[in-house]
Structures are given as C-alpha cells and as structure tokens.
Amino acid sequence: MKRFIATIGLLCLGLQGIGNKMDAQVSINIFNLNDILRAKPIDEVRFTVQYQTAFIPDTLHPEKKVEETMMLKVGDKCSVYYSYAKFLTDSVLEADKAAGASHEIIKEHLRQYTSKVNAQVYKNYPAGKTTTLDALAASRFRCEEKEERPEWTLLPDTMTILSYPCRKAICHFKGRDYEAWYTPEIPRSDGPWKLCGLPGLILKAQDSQRHYTFTGTGIELNRAKSPILFGGKDFEPISRKDLQKAYERYAADPIGYIALTSPQIKVTVKDDNGKPFQPKNMPYNPIER
C-alpha cells in the first residue's frame, strides 16, 4: 500500500496576484514513503563535493534568487548530483520507518527538510547514459539519455577555489552559454548538474545570464563505505521532450496537474491569510532550453 504525505511551500517570491498571474513560486512535494525502499546500491562513494546552487525562477524578477545546497557523490563508475535536503529527508524517513514512527512525527520531520530541487542527475548510469529522476507532485519520472558532454574551449585564466588552483573553460550546452572553473589537481571529469568533460573536477560554473550558478563549498573524501543509491527502477520512463512538456504543464497549473495525474490526492493551497487560491502561470525558467 502506498502512503503519501504532501508538503506545500512558497519560495519567498511574494503572494501578489495580478489576474491569473501569480508572483509566487509554489513548491508542492508529495512524498511516497515507499520510495526509499526502492533504492539499490550501484557504486561506492569515493568523495563528495558540496555546491551552493542559486537559480532565478522568474526572469522578470532576477533579484529574487532561490538557493539550495547540492551534493555531488562521485564513485568509480558513476556519480549522482542531488539536493542535500533530499539526502537528509531520505535519511530521516529511513530512520522513522525503521523505528515505526507515527504519521505526525514523519510529517513534522518532512517540514524541516523540504527540498526546492527534486531532480537527481546520475552520470554514466547506466553506462554511457545520463539518467534524471524527478518528481512532479505524485508523479515519478525516469529520463534516460545518451551521455552528452559539452564541447569546451580551454582558456588561460586561473583562480583558486577551496585552495585548489583552477583553470577556466567555456562552452554552449543545453541552450545556455557557460563558464566553468576546474582543477586538474582532482583528475575526475565531473561537476555539478550535467556539466562534465574537462580534465579535472569543476568547482564553479555559471551561465552567461547568471540564471544558474554553482559554487563549490567543500570536498570530503569518504573514509567509510558509503553506497551511491539508485531508486528509480520503478519510476515512469519518459523522454526528455515529454519531461519538458510535463514541467510546462505543471508550471501552468500545478493543482490542475495533480488533479489530472493523481485524482486520489487532494491538495489545497492557502495564502498567508488562510484563504484558498489556485496558483497558475507559475514562473518557468528551465535550465535546459
């Protein structure tokens, strides 16, 4: 039996309605408590990189950024990039289920660790592919794509990040122009999100419009055994094109999307005055264009 818990958050963009336009970014997370039981080990973590990630969900208000701490777990064969809050959530849920915690306790823990970024990006899993796991409300998607590496231009500029000497590179990738700083002292061709393909680990990157920025804030070598887990085997397979369409439908009408895709789940969004409202036409600024 599936058990769902919904959490609703407003991502600090105000609640000023203008007709059908809402100057609010609604985050509706519906957790399936069985998700963590699906995860299976696919590799061993060798080191973990922490990135402070910032993005602008509404291009009309570039001053209103959303920030999230992200993790890149790197193994011998593959890597996974995902939210630190999701890591904490999964850990807490696993402990709660093992302890037989009540529904109320689980809900309280979920409120503490709600992530603004649901997507998990696996590089070279399966071999030669990039796999994205994402959740839109109760929908669970698995998007497998042939691994695509940016075509970088290496530049002579240098910078020091986290005490590592770094070099600059630029590319055009997934519809955006990026600059990145990588360190040859960590000879692993990896980095935040889908950025990779340089002769060293990427510690900082941003697109030319600064809509998306990734800044390394820490690196930790794994001394104890720790698996890279993959829990998307039973997720709905979807193409990148259809996943983009799902993102667009959700942004246009998140409550309507839930009603259509998960009629068994009822979600009501309320404003600061406790009055229900129907968020529509949410800001939409995808990292992939």
Protein backbone atom coordinates (compact mmCIF):
# COMPACT_ATOMS: atom_id res chain seq x y z
CA MET A 1 0.00 0.00 0.00
CA LYS A 2 1.30 3.43 -0.95
CA ARG A 3 1.35 6.16 1.68
CA PHE A 4 1.60 9.76 0.57
CA ILE A 5 2.46 12.90 2.52
CA ALA A 6 2.12 16.33 0.92
CA THR A 7 4.04 19.44 1.92
CA ILE A 8 3.41 22.86 0.41
CA GLY A 9 5.84 25.75 0.44
CA LEU A 10 6.08 29.24 -1.02
CA LEU A 11 9.57 30.02 -2.26
CA CYS A 12 9.97 33.59 -1.00
CA LEU A 13 8.67 35.35 -4.09
CA GLY A 14 5.67 37.08 -2.55
CA LEU A 15 1.95 36.46 -2.95
CA GLN A 16 0.76 39.32 -5.10
CA GLY A 17 -1.89 38.14 -7.56
CA ILE A 18 -2.49 40.03 -10.82
CA GLY A 19 -5.37 38.46 -12.70
CA ASN A 20 -4.30 34.87 -13.36
CA LYS A 21 -0.63 35.72 -12.88
CA MET A 22 0.90 34.85 -9.55
CA ASP A 23 4.16 36.34 -8.31
CA ALA A 24 4.69 33.22 -6.20
CA GLN A 25 6.61 30.02 -6.74
CA VAL A 26 4.63 27.20 -5.18
CA SER A 27 6.51 24.08 -4.17
CA ILE A 28 4.21 21.09 -3.75
CA ASN A 29 6.07 17.98 -2.65
CA ILE A 30 4.19 14.71 -2.30
CA PHE A 31 6.32 12.03 -0.67
CA ASN A 32 5.77 8.34 -1.26
CA LEU A 33 7.09 6.72 1.90
CA ASN A 34 8.00 3.61 -0.09
CA ASP A 35 10.41 5.50 -2.34
CA ILE A 36 13.39 4.98 -0.05
CA LEU A 37 12.81 1.22 -0.03
CA ARG A 38 13.35 1.08 -3.81
CA ALA A 39 16.88 2.43 -3.66
CA LYS A 40 19.64 -0.06 -4.51
CA PRO A 41 23.44 0.44 -4.38
CA ILE A 42 25.08 0.94 -7.78
CA ASP A 43 28.56 2.16 -6.76
CA GLU A 44 30.70 3.19 -3.79
CA VAL A 45 31.22 6.88 -2.96
CA ARG A 46 34.87 7.93 -3.25
CA PHE A 47 34.38 11.61 -2.48
CA THR A 48 31.57 14.15 -2.11
CA VAL A 49 31.52 17.75 -3.35
CA GLN A 50 29.11 20.29 -1.90
CA TYR A 51 27.88 23.12 -4.13
CA GLN A 52 25.89 26.19 -3.22
CA THR A 53 23.46 26.45 -6.11
CA ALA A 54 21.42 29.54 -6.93
CA PHE A 55 18.83 29.96 -9.66
CA ILE A 56 16.34 32.57 -10.82
CA PRO A 57 12.90 31.01 -11.33
CA ASP A 58 11.34 34.25 -12.61
CA THR A 59 13.33 36.19 -15.22
CA LEU A 60 11.12 39.24 -14.62
CA HIS A 61 12.50 39.37 -11.06
CA PRO A 62 16.20 38.48 -11.32
CA GLU A 63 16.81 39.87 -7.84
CA LYS A 64 14.73 37.06 -6.29
CA LYS A 65 17.04 34.08 -6.29
CA VAL A 66 16.38 30.66 -4.83
CA GLU A 67 19.30 28.84 -3.22
CA GLU A 68 19.84 25.18 -2.46
CA THR A 69 22.78 23.20 -1.15
CA MET A 70 23.54 20.37 -3.57
CA MET A 71 25.82 17.33 -3.36
CA LEU A 72 27.86 15.52 -5.99
CA LYS A 73 28.67 11.99 -4.88
CA VAL A 74 31.41 10.53 -7.06
CA GLY A 75 32.15 6.82 -7.38
CA ASP A 76 34.48 4.77 -9.56
CA LYS A 77 31.85 4.15 -12.24
CA CYS A 78 29.21 6.86 -11.87
CA SER A 79 28.11 9.92 -9.91
CA VAL A 80 24.90 11.46 -8.62
CA TYR A 81 24.04 15.13 -8.14
CA TYR A 82 21.13 15.95 -5.86
CA SER A 83 19.86 18.13 -3.03
CA TYR A 84 21.43 17.92 0.42
CA ALA A 85 17.93 18.45 1.86
CA LYS A 86 16.75 15.36 -0.05
CA PHE A 87 19.68 13.42 1.38
CA LEU A 88 18.59 14.45 4.89
CA THR A 89 14.93 13.69 4.11
CA ASP A 90 15.72 10.18 2.86
CA SER A 91 17.91 9.52 5.91
CA VAL A 92 15.22 10.70 8.33
CA LEU A 93 12.45 8.75 6.54
CA GLU A 94 14.53 5.59 6.62
CA ALA A 95 15.15 6.00 10.36
CA ASP A 96 11.47 6.84 11.01
CA LYS A 97 10.21 3.79 9.13
CA ALA A 98 12.68 1.53 10.95
CA ALA A 99 11.51 2.96 14.28
CA GLY A 100 7.81 2.74 13.40
CA ALA A 101 7.33 6.49 13.81
CA SER A 102 3.82 7.92 13.70
CA HIS A 103 2.39 9.74 10.69
CA GLU A 104 2.51 13.03 12.64
CA ILE A 105 6.20 12.67 13.52
CA ILE A 106 7.10 11.85 9.91
CA LYS A 107 5.18 14.92 8.67
CA GLU A 108 6.99 17.13 11.17
CA HIS A 109 10.38 15.83 10.03
CA LEU A 110 9.45 16.40 6.38
CA ARG A 111 8.61 20.04 7.10
CA GLN A 112 12.14 20.54 8.40
CA TYR A 113 13.95 19.19 5.33
CA THR A 114 11.80 20.09 2.32
CA SER A 115 13.92 20.48 -0.79
CA LYS A 116 13.38 23.07 -3.52
CA VAL A 117 15.08 20.79 -6.07
CA ASN A 118 13.64 17.31 -6.65
CA ALA A 119 15.76 16.24 -9.61
CA GLN A 120 18.61 13.74 -9.20
CA VAL A 121 21.14 13.52 -12.02
CA TYR A 122 23.13 10.30 -12.48
CA LYS A 123 26.08 10.48 -14.87
CA ASN A 124 27.20 7.25 -16.56
CA TYR A 125 24.31 5.24 -15.16
CA PRO A 126 23.50 3.07 -16.94
CA ALA A 127 26.93 3.05 -18.62
CA GLY A 128 27.11 5.66 -21.37
CA LYS A 129 23.90 7.38 -20.29
CA THR A 130 22.75 10.25 -18.10
CA THR A 131 19.66 9.46 -16.04
CA THR A 132 17.47 12.10 -14.40
CA LEU A 133 14.99 11.14 -11.69
CA ASP A 134 12.42 13.78 -10.92
CA ALA A 135 9.13 14.16 -9.08
CA LEU A 136 6.24 16.40 -10.04
CA ALA A 137 3.77 16.13 -7.18
CA ALA A 138 2.96 12.38 -7.03
CA SER A 139 4.42 11.63 -10.48
CA ARG A 140 7.81 9.90 -10.52
CA PHE A 141 9.80 10.12 -13.77
CA ARG A 142 12.96 8.42 -15.03
CA CYS A 143 14.57 10.08 -18.06
CA GLU A 144 17.49 8.18 -19.63
CA GLU A 145 19.51 9.97 -22.31
CA LYS A 146 22.67 9.18 -24.21
CA GLU A 147 25.52 10.86 -22.33
CA GLU A 148 26.25 14.25 -23.90
CA ARG A 149 29.42 16.08 -22.96
CA PRO A 150 29.86 19.81 -23.57
CA GLU A 151 32.41 20.88 -26.16
CA TRP A 152 34.68 23.06 -24.05
CA THR A 153 37.12 25.79 -25.04
CA LEU A 154 40.01 25.90 -22.57
CA LEU A 155 41.25 29.36 -21.56
CA PRO A 156 44.43 30.52 -19.76
CA ASP A 157 42.63 32.31 -16.89
CA THR A 158 43.29 30.99 -13.38
CA MET A 159 41.57 31.18 -10.00
CA THR A 160 41.90 29.48 -6.61
CA ILE A 161 38.80 27.77 -5.20
CA LEU A 162 38.81 25.78 -1.95
CA SER A 163 42.64 26.07 -2.02
CA TYR A 164 42.74 24.28 -5.41
CA PRO A 165 44.29 26.07 -8.44
CA CYS A 166 41.63 26.20 -11.14
CA ARG A 167 41.52 26.99 -14.84
CA LYS A 168 38.73 28.48 -16.92
CA ALA A 169 36.73 26.91 -19.74
CA ILE A 170 33.64 27.97 -21.70
CA CYS A 171 31.00 26.11 -23.68
CA HIS A 172 27.47 26.22 -25.11
CA PHE A 173 25.38 23.43 -23.59
CA LYS A 174 21.67 22.63 -23.44
CA GLY A 175 20.72 26.09 -24.71
CA ARG A 176 22.96 28.17 -22.43
CA ASP A 177 26.48 29.58 -22.52
CA TYR A 178 28.59 28.51 -19.52
CA GLU A 179 31.88 29.39 -17.97
CA ALA A 180 33.42 26.89 -15.60
CA TRP A 181 36.45 26.65 -13.35
CA TYR A 182 38.03 23.23 -12.98
CA THR A 183 41.02 21.91 -11.05
CA PRO A 184 43.47 19.50 -12.72
CA GLU A 185 44.60 18.52 -9.21
CA ILE A 186 41.43 16.40 -8.92
CA PRO A 187 41.60 14.50 -12.23
CA ARG A 188 37.96 13.46 -12.32
CA SER A 189 35.97 14.71 -15.32
CA ASP A 190 32.82 15.61 -13.40
CA GLY A 191 30.96 18.57 -11.95
CA PRO A 192 27.58 19.97 -10.89
CA TRP A 193 24.41 19.04 -12.73
CA LYS A 194 25.26 17.63 -16.21
CA LEU A 195 28.45 19.66 -16.58
CA CYS A 196 31.50 17.44 -17.15
CA GLY A 197 34.11 16.61 -19.76
CA LEU A 198 37.01 18.76 -18.53
CA PRO A 199 40.47 17.50 -17.46
CA GLY A 200 39.60 17.99 -13.82
CA LEU A 201 36.73 18.46 -11.38
CA ILE A 202 34.53 21.53 -11.92
CA LEU A 203 34.38 23.61 -8.73
CA LYS A 204 32.49 26.63 -10.07
CA ALA A 205 30.19 27.28 -13.03
CA GLN A 206 27.55 29.72 -14.18
CA ASP A 207 25.62 30.53 -17.33
CA SER A 208 26.20 33.85 -19.08
CA GLN A 209 22.93 35.32 -17.76
CA ARG A 210 23.70 34.12 -14.22
CA HIS A 211 20.34 32.43 -14.02
CA TYR A 212 22.10 29.30 -12.72
CA THR A 213 25.27 29.34 -10.62
CA PHE A 214 27.15 26.51 -8.92
CA THR A 215 29.88 27.25 -6.37
CA GLY A 216 31.86 24.53 -4.64
CA THR A 217 31.89 24.99 -0.86
CA GLY A 218 33.50 21.76 0.34
CA ILE A 219 35.08 18.45 -0.64
CA GLU A 220 35.11 15.37 1.57
CA LEU A 221 36.90 12.07 0.96
CA ASN A 222 34.91 9.02 2.01
CA ARG A 223 36.79 7.00 4.59
CA ALA A 224 33.96 4.62 5.46
CA LYS A 225 31.98 2.59 2.96
CA SER A 226 29.01 4.51 1.60
CA PRO A 227 26.92 3.46 -1.42
CA ILE A 228 25.59 5.54 -4.28
CA LEU A 229 21.92 4.57 -4.31
CA PHE A 230 19.52 4.46 -7.25
CA GLY A 231 15.80 4.31 -6.54
CA GLY A 232 14.28 4.97 -9.94
CA LYS A 233 13.87 1.45 -11.31
CA ASP A 234 10.07 1.59 -10.94
CA PHE A 235 9.70 5.23 -11.97
CA GLU A 236 7.78 6.03 -15.15
CA PRO A 237 10.19 6.13 -18.13
CA ILE A 238 9.90 9.35 -20.09
CA SER A 239 11.73 11.09 -22.93
CA ARG A 240 13.41 14.46 -22.40
CA LYS A 241 10.89 16.08 -24.75
CA ASP A 242 7.90 14.71 -22.84
CA LEU A 243 9.50 15.57 -19.49
CA GLN A 244 9.88 19.19 -20.62
CA LYS A 245 6.18 19.19 -21.57
CA ALA A 246 5.30 17.88 -18.10
CA TYR A 247 7.31 20.70 -16.49
CA GLU A 248 5.43 23.23 -18.64
CA ARG A 249 2.01 21.78 -17.76
CA TYR A 250 2.87 21.79 -14.06
CA ALA A 251 4.07 25.42 -14.17
CA ALA A 252 0.90 26.49 -15.98
CA ASP A 253 -1.42 24.92 -13.37
CA PRO A 254 0.16 22.83 -10.55
CA ILE A 255 -3.14 22.00 -8.80
CA GLY A 256 -4.74 21.08 -12.12
CA TYR A 257 -1.75 18.87 -12.92
CA ILE A 258 -2.21 16.98 -9.64
CA ALA A 259 -5.96 16.62 -10.21
CA LEU A 260 -5.30 15.15 -13.67
CA THR A 261 -2.39 12.85 -12.85
CA SER A 262 -3.26 11.86 -9.26
CA PRO A 263 -7.03 12.24 -8.73
CA GLN A 264 -6.79 10.28 -5.47
CA ILE A 265 -4.76 13.12 -3.89
CA LYS A 266 -6.44 16.36 -2.86
CA VAL A 267 -4.24 19.43 -2.31
CA THR A 268 -5.43 22.88 -1.23
CA VAL A 269 -3.04 25.85 -1.32
CA LYS A 270 -3.75 28.75 1.04
CA ASP A 271 -2.29 32.23 1.18
CA ASP A 272 -0.93 33.97 4.29
CA ASN A 273 -4.50 34.86 5.30
CA GLY A 274 -5.60 31.24 5.18
CA LYS A 275 -7.70 31.71 2.04
CA PRO A 276 -7.53 29.04 -0.69
CA PHE A 277 -6.19 30.10 -4.06
CA GLN A 278 -5.47 28.33 -7.33
CA PRO A 279 -1.86 29.07 -8.38
CA LYS A 280 -1.49 29.30 -12.15
CA ASN A 281 1.08 30.51 -14.67
CA MET A 282 3.99 30.00 -12.31
CA PRO A 283 7.37 31.44 -13.31
CA TYR A 284 9.20 28.95 -15.53
CA ASN A 285 12.90 29.28 -16.31
CA PRO A 286 14.26 25.77 -17.05
CA ILE A 287 17.98 25.11 -17.01
CA GLU A 288 17.62 23.23 -20.31
CA ARG A 289 16.17 25.21 -23.18
